[in-house]
Amino acid sequence: MVLADLGRKIRNAIGKLGQSTVINEEELDLMLKEVCTALIESDVHIRLVKQLKDNVKKMAVKRSRSENLSRKSLKI
């Protein structure tokens, strides 16, 4: 039950993000907040949640730089 609920929340958060063709930093932060909240509610250790969030942000910034985009405009 907990895993199904967690999966649903993560799918919903990522699905909202996936509907956009251009993703800005604000939208990315909102998605990460929803995913992190779902993970914490499912008793995932806070350090792991923070590590995941930091890694996703780093990858997004790295990708935006490699595509010569500003940090506020990340294409998917």
PDB file of N, CA and C in Angstrom:
ATOM      1  N   MET A   1       0.821  -1.192   0.000  1.00  0.00           N
ATOM      2  CA  MET A   1       0.000   0.000   0.000  1.00  0.00           C
ATOM      3  C   MET A   1       0.867   1.260   0.000  1.00  0.00           C
ATOM      4  N   VAL A   2       1.878   1.283   0.855  1.00  0.00           N
ATOM      5  CA  VAL A   2       2.756   2.450   0.935  1.00  0.00           C
ATOM      6  C   VAL A   2       3.515   2.636  -0.372  1.00  0.00           C
ATOM      7  N   LEU A   3       4.019   1.541  -0.937  1.00  0.00           N
ATOM      8  CA  LEU A   3       4.774   1.636  -2.190  1.00  0.00           C
ATOM      9  C   LEU A   3       3.889   2.088  -3.349  1.00  0.00           C
ATOM     10  N   ALA A   4       2.671   1.616  -3.379  1.00  0.00           N
ATOM     11  CA  ALA A   4       1.753   2.026  -4.446  1.00  0.00           C
ATOM     12  C   ALA A   4       1.455   3.517  -4.347  1.00  0.00           C
ATOM     13  N   ASP A   5       1.252   3.994  -3.126  1.00  0.00           N
ATOM     14  CA  ASP A   5       0.987   5.417  -2.910  1.00  0.00           C
ATOM     15  C   ASP A   5       2.207   6.256  -3.275  1.00  0.00           C
ATOM     16  N   LEU A   6       3.379   5.791  -2.888  1.00  0.00           N
ATOM     17  CA  LEU A   6       4.621   6.486  -3.224  1.00  0.00           C
ATOM     18  C   LEU A   6       4.797   6.556  -4.741  1.00  0.00           C
ATOM     19  N   GLY A   7       4.589   5.445  -5.404  1.00  0.00           N
ATOM     20  CA  GLY A   7       4.713   5.409  -6.858  1.00  0.00           C
ATOM     21  C   GLY A   7       3.748   6.354  -7.544  1.00  0.00           C
ATOM     22  N   ARG A   8       2.531   6.407  -7.045  1.00  0.00           N
ATOM     23  CA  ARG A   8       1.515   7.301  -7.617  1.00  0.00           C
ATOM     24  C   ARG A   8       1.933   8.760  -7.458  1.00  0.00           C
ATOM     25  N   LYS A   9       2.416   9.115  -6.283  1.00  0.00           N
ATOM     26  CA  LYS A   9       2.825  10.502  -6.033  1.00  0.00           C
ATOM     27  C   LYS A   9       4.017  10.900  -6.898  1.00  0.00           C
ATOM     28  N   ILE A  10       4.973  10.002  -7.044  1.00  0.00           N
ATOM     29  CA  ILE A  10       6.146  10.300  -7.865  1.00  0.00           C
ATOM     30  C   ILE A  10       5.748  10.411  -9.335  1.00  0.00           C
ATOM     31  N   ARG A  11       4.910   9.493  -9.810  1.00  0.00           N
ATOM     32  CA  ARG A  11       4.440   9.563 -11.200  1.00  0.00           C
ATOM     33  C   ARG A  11       3.698  10.871 -11.469  1.00  0.00           C
ATOM     34  N   ASN A  12       2.850  11.280 -10.520  1.00  0.00           N
ATOM     35  CA  ASN A  12       2.103  12.526 -10.693  1.00  0.00           C
ATOM     36  C   ASN A  12       3.039  13.729 -10.774  1.00  0.00           C
ATOM     37  N   ALA A  13       4.030  13.772  -9.889  1.00  0.00           N
ATOM     38  CA  ALA A  13       4.968  14.901  -9.872  1.00  0.00           C
ATOM     39  C   ALA A  13       5.774  14.958 -11.162  1.00  0.00           C
ATOM     40  N   ILE A  14       6.276  13.827 -11.597  1.00  0.00           N
ATOM     41  CA  ILE A  14       7.077  13.785 -12.822  1.00  0.00           C
ATOM     42  C   ILE A  14       6.189  14.008 -14.044  1.00  0.00           C
ATOM     43  N   GLY A  15       4.970  13.514 -13.988  1.00  0.00           N
ATOM     44  CA  GLY A  15       4.033  13.711 -15.094  1.00  0.00           C
ATOM     45  C   GLY A  15       3.721  15.176 -15.340  1.00  0.00           C
ATOM     46  N   LYS A  16       3.548  15.941 -14.263  1.00  0.00           N
ATOM     47  CA  LYS A  16       3.306  17.380 -14.401  1.00  0.00           C
ATOM     48  C   LYS A  16       4.481  18.043 -15.104  1.00  0.00           C
ATOM     49  N   LEU A  17       5.669  17.642 -14.724  1.00  0.00           N
ATOM     50  CA  LEU A  17       6.876  18.211 -15.323  1.00  0.00           C
ATOM     51  C   LEU A  17       7.000  17.789 -16.782  1.00  0.00           C
ATOM     52  N   GLY A  18       6.627  16.565 -17.065  1.00  0.00           N
ATOM     53  CA  GLY A  18       6.750  16.032 -18.417  1.00  0.00           C
ATOM     54  C   GLY A  18       5.799  16.639 -19.425  1.00  0.00           C
ATOM     55  N   GLN A  19       4.782  17.330 -18.959  1.00  0.00           N
ATOM     56  CA  GLN A  19       3.824  17.951 -19.870  1.00  0.00           C
ATOM     57  C   GLN A  19       4.364  19.230 -20.499  1.00  0.00           C
ATOM     58  N   SER A  20       5.434  19.771 -19.933  1.00  0.00           N
ATOM     59  CA  SER A  20       6.027  21.000 -20.465  1.00  0.00           C
ATOM     60  C   SER A  20       7.115  20.670 -21.475  1.00  0.00           C
ATOM     61  N   THR A  21       7.250  21.529 -22.479  1.00  0.00           N
ATOM     62  CA  THR A  21       8.342  21.336 -23.434  1.00  0.00           C
ATOM     63  C   THR A  21       9.606  22.033 -22.958  1.00  0.00           C
ATOM     64  N   VAL A  22       9.444  23.120 -22.224  1.00  0.00           N
ATOM     65  CA  VAL A  22      10.573  23.824 -21.626  1.00  0.00           C
ATOM     66  C   VAL A  22      10.346  23.871 -20.130  1.00  0.00           C
ATOM     67  N   ILE A  23      11.351  23.473 -19.384  1.00  0.00           N
ATOM     68  CA  ILE A  23      11.236  23.403 -17.931  1.00  0.00           C
ATOM     69  C   ILE A  23      12.165  24.434 -17.321  1.00  0.00           C
ATOM     70  N   ASN A  24      11.589  25.328 -16.519  1.00  0.00           N
ATOM     71  CA  ASN A  24      12.431  26.307 -15.850  1.00  0.00           C
ATOM     72  C   ASN A  24      12.785  25.818 -14.445  1.00  0.00           C
ATOM     73  N   GLU A  25      13.633  26.564 -13.792  1.00  0.00           N
ATOM     74  CA  GLU A  25      14.129  26.154 -12.477  1.00  0.00           C
ATOM     75  C   GLU A  25      13.005  26.070 -11.446  1.00  0.00           C
ATOM     76  N   GLU A  26      12.032  26.953 -11.546  1.00  0.00           N
ATOM     77  CA  GLU A  26      10.911  26.955 -10.610  1.00  0.00           C
ATOM     78  C   GLU A  26      10.088  25.669 -10.734  1.00  0.00           C
ATOM     79  N   GLU A  27       9.817  25.242 -11.953  1.00  0.00           N
ATOM     80  CA  GLU A  27       9.059  24.006 -12.179  1.00  0.00           C
ATOM     81  C   GLU A  27       9.835  22.788 -11.693  1.00  0.00           C
ATOM     82  N   LEU A  28      11.141  22.796 -11.929  1.00  0.00           N
ATOM     83  CA  LEU A  28      11.986  21.700 -11.459  1.00  0.00           C
ATOM     84  C   LEU A  28      11.973  21.631  -9.934  1.00  0.00           C
ATOM     85  N   ASP A  29      12.072  22.785  -9.285  1.00  0.00           N
ATOM     86  CA  ASP A  29      12.051  22.826  -7.823  1.00  0.00           C
ATOM     87  C   ASP A  29      10.720  22.325  -7.268  1.00  0.00           C
ATOM     88  N   LEU A  30       9.624  22.689  -7.926  1.00  0.00           N
ATOM     89  CA  LEU A  30       8.304  22.233  -7.487  1.00  0.00           C
ATOM     90  C   LEU A  30       8.189  20.714  -7.597  1.00  0.00           C
ATOM     91  N   MET A  31       8.655  20.156  -8.713  1.00  0.00           N
ATOM     92  CA  MET A  31       8.619  18.707  -8.892  1.00  0.00           C
ATOM     93  C   MET A  31       9.473  18.016  -7.837  1.00  0.00           C
ATOM     94  N   LEU A  32      10.675  18.541  -7.601  1.00  0.00           N
ATOM     95  CA  LEU A  32      11.558  17.941  -6.600  1.00  0.00           C
ATOM     96  C   LEU A  32      10.941  18.013  -5.209  1.00  0.00           C
ATOM     97  N   LYS A  33      10.269  19.105  -4.907  1.00  0.00           N
ATOM     98  CA  LYS A  33       9.615  19.239  -3.603  1.00  0.00           C
ATOM     99  C   LYS A  33       8.534  18.172  -3.431  1.00  0.00           C
ATOM    100  N   GLU A  34       7.739  17.959  -4.465  1.00  0.00           N
ATOM    101  CA  GLU A  34       6.680  16.949  -4.397  1.00  0.00           C
ATOM    102  C   GLU A  34       7.265  15.545  -4.241  1.00  0.00           C
ATOM    103  N   VAL A  35       8.311  15.247  -5.000  1.00  0.00           N
ATOM    104  CA  VAL A  35       8.946  13.929  -4.914  1.00  0.00           C
ATOM    105  C   VAL A  35       9.576  13.739  -3.539  1.00  0.00           C
ATOM    106  N   CYS A  36      10.277  14.745  -3.056  1.00  0.00           N
ATOM    107  CA  CYS A  36      10.931  14.641  -1.749  1.00  0.00           C
ATOM    108  C   CYS A  36       9.908  14.478  -0.629  1.00  0.00           C
ATOM    109  N   THR A  37       8.817  15.215  -0.713  1.00  0.00           N
ATOM    110  CA  THR A  37       7.756  15.084   0.288  1.00  0.00           C
ATOM    111  C   THR A  37       7.189  13.669   0.288  1.00  0.00           C
ATOM    112  N   ALA A  38       6.953  13.119  -0.885  1.00  0.00           N
ATOM    113  CA  ALA A  38       6.432  11.752  -0.988  1.00  0.00           C
ATOM    114  C   ALA A  38       7.410  10.747  -0.390  1.00  0.00           C
ATOM    115  N   LEU A  39       8.694  10.926  -0.662  1.00  0.00           N
ATOM    116  CA  LEU A  39       9.705  10.011  -0.120  1.00  0.00           C
ATOM    117  C   LEU A  39       9.776  10.100   1.400  1.00  0.00           C
ATOM    118  N   ILE A  40       9.752  11.312   1.929  1.00  0.00           N
ATOM    119  CA  ILE A  40       9.815  11.488   3.382  1.00  0.00           C
ATOM    120  C   ILE A  40       8.572  10.907   4.045  1.00  0.00           C
ATOM    121  N   GLU A  41       7.406  11.106   3.441  1.00  0.00           N
ATOM    122  CA  GLU A  41       6.168  10.531   3.978  1.00  0.00           C
ATOM    123  C   GLU A  41       6.212   9.009   3.979  1.00  0.00           C
ATOM    124  N   SER A  42       7.019   8.434   3.094  1.00  0.00           N
ATOM    125  CA  SER A  42       7.158   6.976   3.014  1.00  0.00           C
ATOM    126  C   SER A  42       8.335   6.474   3.839  1.00  0.00           C
ATOM    127  N   ASP A  43       8.832   7.321   4.726  1.00  0.00           N
ATOM    128  CA  ASP A  43       9.903   6.972   5.670  1.00  0.00           C
ATOM    129  C   ASP A  43      11.251   6.709   5.018  1.00  0.00           C
ATOM    130  N   VAL A  44      11.524   7.351   3.894  1.00  0.00           N
ATOM    131  CA  VAL A  44      12.861   7.288   3.310  1.00  0.00           C
ATOM    132  C   VAL A  44      13.729   8.239   4.121  1.00  0.00           C
ATOM    133  N   HIS A  45      14.947   7.817   4.426  1.00  0.00           N
ATOM    134  CA  HIS A  45      15.841   8.609   5.262  1.00  0.00           C
ATOM    135  C   HIS A  45      16.087   9.973   4.625  1.00  0.00           C
ATOM    136  N   ILE A  46      16.044  11.006   5.456  1.00  0.00           N
ATOM    137  CA  ILE A  46      16.163  12.383   4.975  1.00  0.00           C
ATOM    138  C   ILE A  46      17.473  12.626   4.229  1.00  0.00           C
ATOM    139  N   ARG A  47      18.551  11.979   4.651  1.00  0.00           N
ATOM    140  CA  ARG A  47      19.839  12.158   3.960  1.00  0.00           C
ATOM    141  C   ARG A  47      19.777  11.633   2.528  1.00  0.00           C
ATOM    142  N   LEU A  48      19.091  10.519   2.335  1.00  0.00           N
ATOM    143  CA  LEU A  48      18.944   9.974   0.984  1.00  0.00           C
ATOM    144  C   LEU A  48      18.091  10.887   0.109  1.00  0.00           C
ATOM    145  N   VAL A  49      17.060  11.447   0.705  1.00  0.00           N
ATOM    146  CA  VAL A  49      16.185  12.359  -0.032  1.00  0.00           C
ATOM    147  C   VAL A  49      16.969  13.602  -0.450  1.00  0.00           C
ATOM    148  N   LYS A  50      17.743  14.146   0.474  1.00  0.00           N
ATOM    149  CA  LYS A  50      18.554  15.327   0.165  1.00  0.00           C
ATOM    150  C   LYS A  50      19.587  15.011  -0.910  1.00  0.00           C
ATOM    151  N   GLN A  51      20.207  13.849  -0.816  1.00  0.00           N
ATOM    152  CA  GLN A  51      21.203  13.449  -1.810  1.00  0.00           C
ATOM    153  C   GLN A  51      20.560  13.330  -3.197  1.00  0.00           C
ATOM    154  N   LEU A  52      19.391  12.729  -3.265  1.00  0.00           N
ATOM    155  CA  LEU A  52      18.671  12.616  -4.533  1.00  0.00           C
ATOM    156  C   LEU A  52      18.368  13.992  -5.112  1.00  0.00           C
ATOM    157  N   LYS A  53      17.839  14.870  -4.276  1.00  0.00           N
ATOM    158  CA  LYS A  53      17.499  16.223  -4.724  1.00  0.00           C
ATOM    159  C   LYS A  53      18.732  16.959  -5.243  1.00  0.00           C
ATOM    160  N   ASP A  54      19.820  16.885  -4.496  1.00  0.00           N
ATOM    161  CA  ASP A  54      21.061  17.554  -4.908  1.00  0.00           C
ATOM    162  C   ASP A  54      21.588  16.993  -6.226  1.00  0.00           C
ATOM    163  N   ASN A  55      21.536  15.676  -6.372  1.00  0.00           N
ATOM    164  CA  ASN A  55      22.024  15.043  -7.603  1.00  0.00           C
ATOM    165  C   ASN A  55      21.193  15.440  -8.820  1.00  0.00           C
ATOM    166  N   VAL A  56      19.889  15.492  -8.655  1.00  0.00           N
ATOM    167  CA  VAL A  56      19.014  15.884  -9.769  1.00  0.00           C
ATOM    168  C   VAL A  56      19.298  17.329 -10.165  1.00  0.00           C
ATOM    169  N   LYS A  57      19.450  18.207  -9.176  1.00  0.00           N
ATOM    170  CA  LYS A  57      19.742  19.617  -9.468  1.00  0.00           C
ATOM    171  C   LYS A  57      21.078  19.752 -10.198  1.00  0.00           C
ATOM    172  N   LYS A  58      22.099  19.021  -9.730  1.00  0.00           N
ATOM    173  CA  LYS A  58      23.418  19.081 -10.370  1.00  0.00           C
ATOM    174  C   LYS A  58      23.343  18.610 -11.815  1.00  0.00           C
ATOM    175  N   MET A  59      22.626  17.522 -12.041  1.00  0.00           N
ATOM    176  CA  MET A  59      22.505  16.993 -13.400  1.00  0.00           C
ATOM    177  C   MET A  59      21.761  17.972 -14.303  1.00  0.00           C
ATOM    178  N   ALA A  60      20.738  18.621 -13.773  1.00  0.00           N
ATOM    179  CA  ALA A  60      19.977  19.584 -14.567  1.00  0.00           C
ATOM    180  C   ALA A  60      20.845  20.779 -14.943  1.00  0.00           C
ATOM    181  N   VAL A  61      21.630  21.261 -13.998  1.00  0.00           N
ATOM    182  CA  VAL A  61      22.515  22.392 -14.279  1.00  0.00           C
ATOM    183  C   VAL A  61      23.581  21.984 -15.286  1.00  0.00           C
ATOM    184  N   LYS A  62      24.145  20.801 -15.093  1.00  0.00           N
ATOM    185  CA  LYS A  62      25.177  20.316 -16.011  1.00  0.00           C
ATOM    186  C   LYS A  62      24.609  20.182 -17.422  1.00  0.00           C
ATOM    187  N   ARG A  63      23.421  19.638 -17.519  1.00  0.00           N
ATOM    188  CA  ARG A  63      22.793  19.457 -18.829  1.00  0.00           C
ATOM    189  C   ARG A  63      22.484  20.799 -19.482  1.00  0.00           C
ATOM    190  N   SER A  64      22.001  21.742 -18.695  1.00  0.00           N
ATOM    191  CA  SER A  64      21.679  23.053 -19.267  1.00  0.00           C
ATOM    192  C   SER A  64      22.933  23.746 -19.772  1.00  0.00           C
ATOM    193  N   ARG A  65      24.033  23.585 -19.076  1.00  0.00           N
ATOM    194  CA  ARG A  65      25.291  24.196 -19.511  1.00  0.00           C
ATOM    195  C   ARG A  65      25.814  23.516 -20.767  1.00  0.00           C
ATOM    196  N   SER A  66      25.674  22.214 -20.844  1.00  0.00           N
ATOM    197  CA  SER A  66      26.176  21.500 -22.021  1.00  0.00           C
ATOM    198  C   SER A  66      25.371  21.833 -23.273  1.00  0.00           C
ATOM    199  N   GLU A  67      24.155  22.281 -23.084  1.00  0.00           N
ATOM    200  CA  GLU A  67      23.302  22.662 -24.216  1.00  0.00           C
ATOM    201  C   GLU A  67      23.307  24.169 -24.439  1.00  0.00           C
ATOM    202  N   ASN A  68      24.215  24.879 -23.744  1.00  0.00           N
ATOM    203  CA  ASN A  68      24.343  26.329 -23.860  1.00  0.00           C
ATOM    204  C   ASN A  68      23.043  27.052 -23.539  1.00  0.00           C
ATOM    205  N   LEU A  69      22.370  26.618 -22.494  1.00  0.00           N
ATOM    206  CA  LEU A  69      21.141  27.255 -22.043  1.00  0.00           C
ATOM    207  C   LEU A  69      21.401  27.930 -20.706  1.00  0.00           C
ATOM    208  N   SER A  70      20.555  28.843 -20.342  1.00  0.00           N
ATOM    209  CA  SER A  70      20.678  29.458 -19.028  1.00  0.00           C
ATOM    210  C   SER A  70      20.180  28.477 -17.972  1.00  0.00           C
ATOM    211  N   ARG A  71      20.547  28.717 -16.722  1.00  0.00           N
ATOM    212  CA  ARG A  71      20.120  27.833 -15.638  1.00  0.00           C
ATOM    213  C   ARG A  71      18.611  27.849 -15.474  1.00  0.00           C
ATOM    214  N   LYS A  72      17.945  28.895 -15.902  1.00  0.00           N
ATOM    215  CA  LYS A  72      16.505  28.999 -15.708  1.00  0.00           C
ATOM    216  C   LYS A  72      15.704  28.407 -16.858  1.00  0.00           C
ATOM    217  N   SER A  73      16.371  27.880 -17.848  1.00  0.00           N
ATOM    218  CA  SER A  73      15.671  27.321 -19.004  1.00  0.00           C
ATOM    219  C   SER A  73      16.276  25.971 -19.354  1.00  0.00           C
ATOM    220  N   LEU A  74      15.678  24.911 -18.844  1.00  0.00           N
ATOM    221  CA  LEU A  74      16.183  23.562 -19.063  1.00  0.00           C
ATOM    222  C   LEU A  74      15.254  22.837 -20.024  1.00  0.00           C
ATOM    223  N   LYS A  75      15.780  22.371 -21.135  1.00  0.00           N
ATOM    224  CA  LYS A  75      14.958  21.628 -22.094  1.00  0.00           C
ATOM    225  C   LYS A  75      15.011  20.150 -21.774  1.00  0.00           C
ATOM    226  N   ILE A  76      13.899  19.484 -22.010  1.00  0.00           N
ATOM    227  CA  ILE A  76      13.859  18.029 -21.852  1.00  0.00           C
ATOM    228  C   ILE A  76      13.806  17.421 -23.218  1.00  0.00           C
TER     229      ILE A  76
END
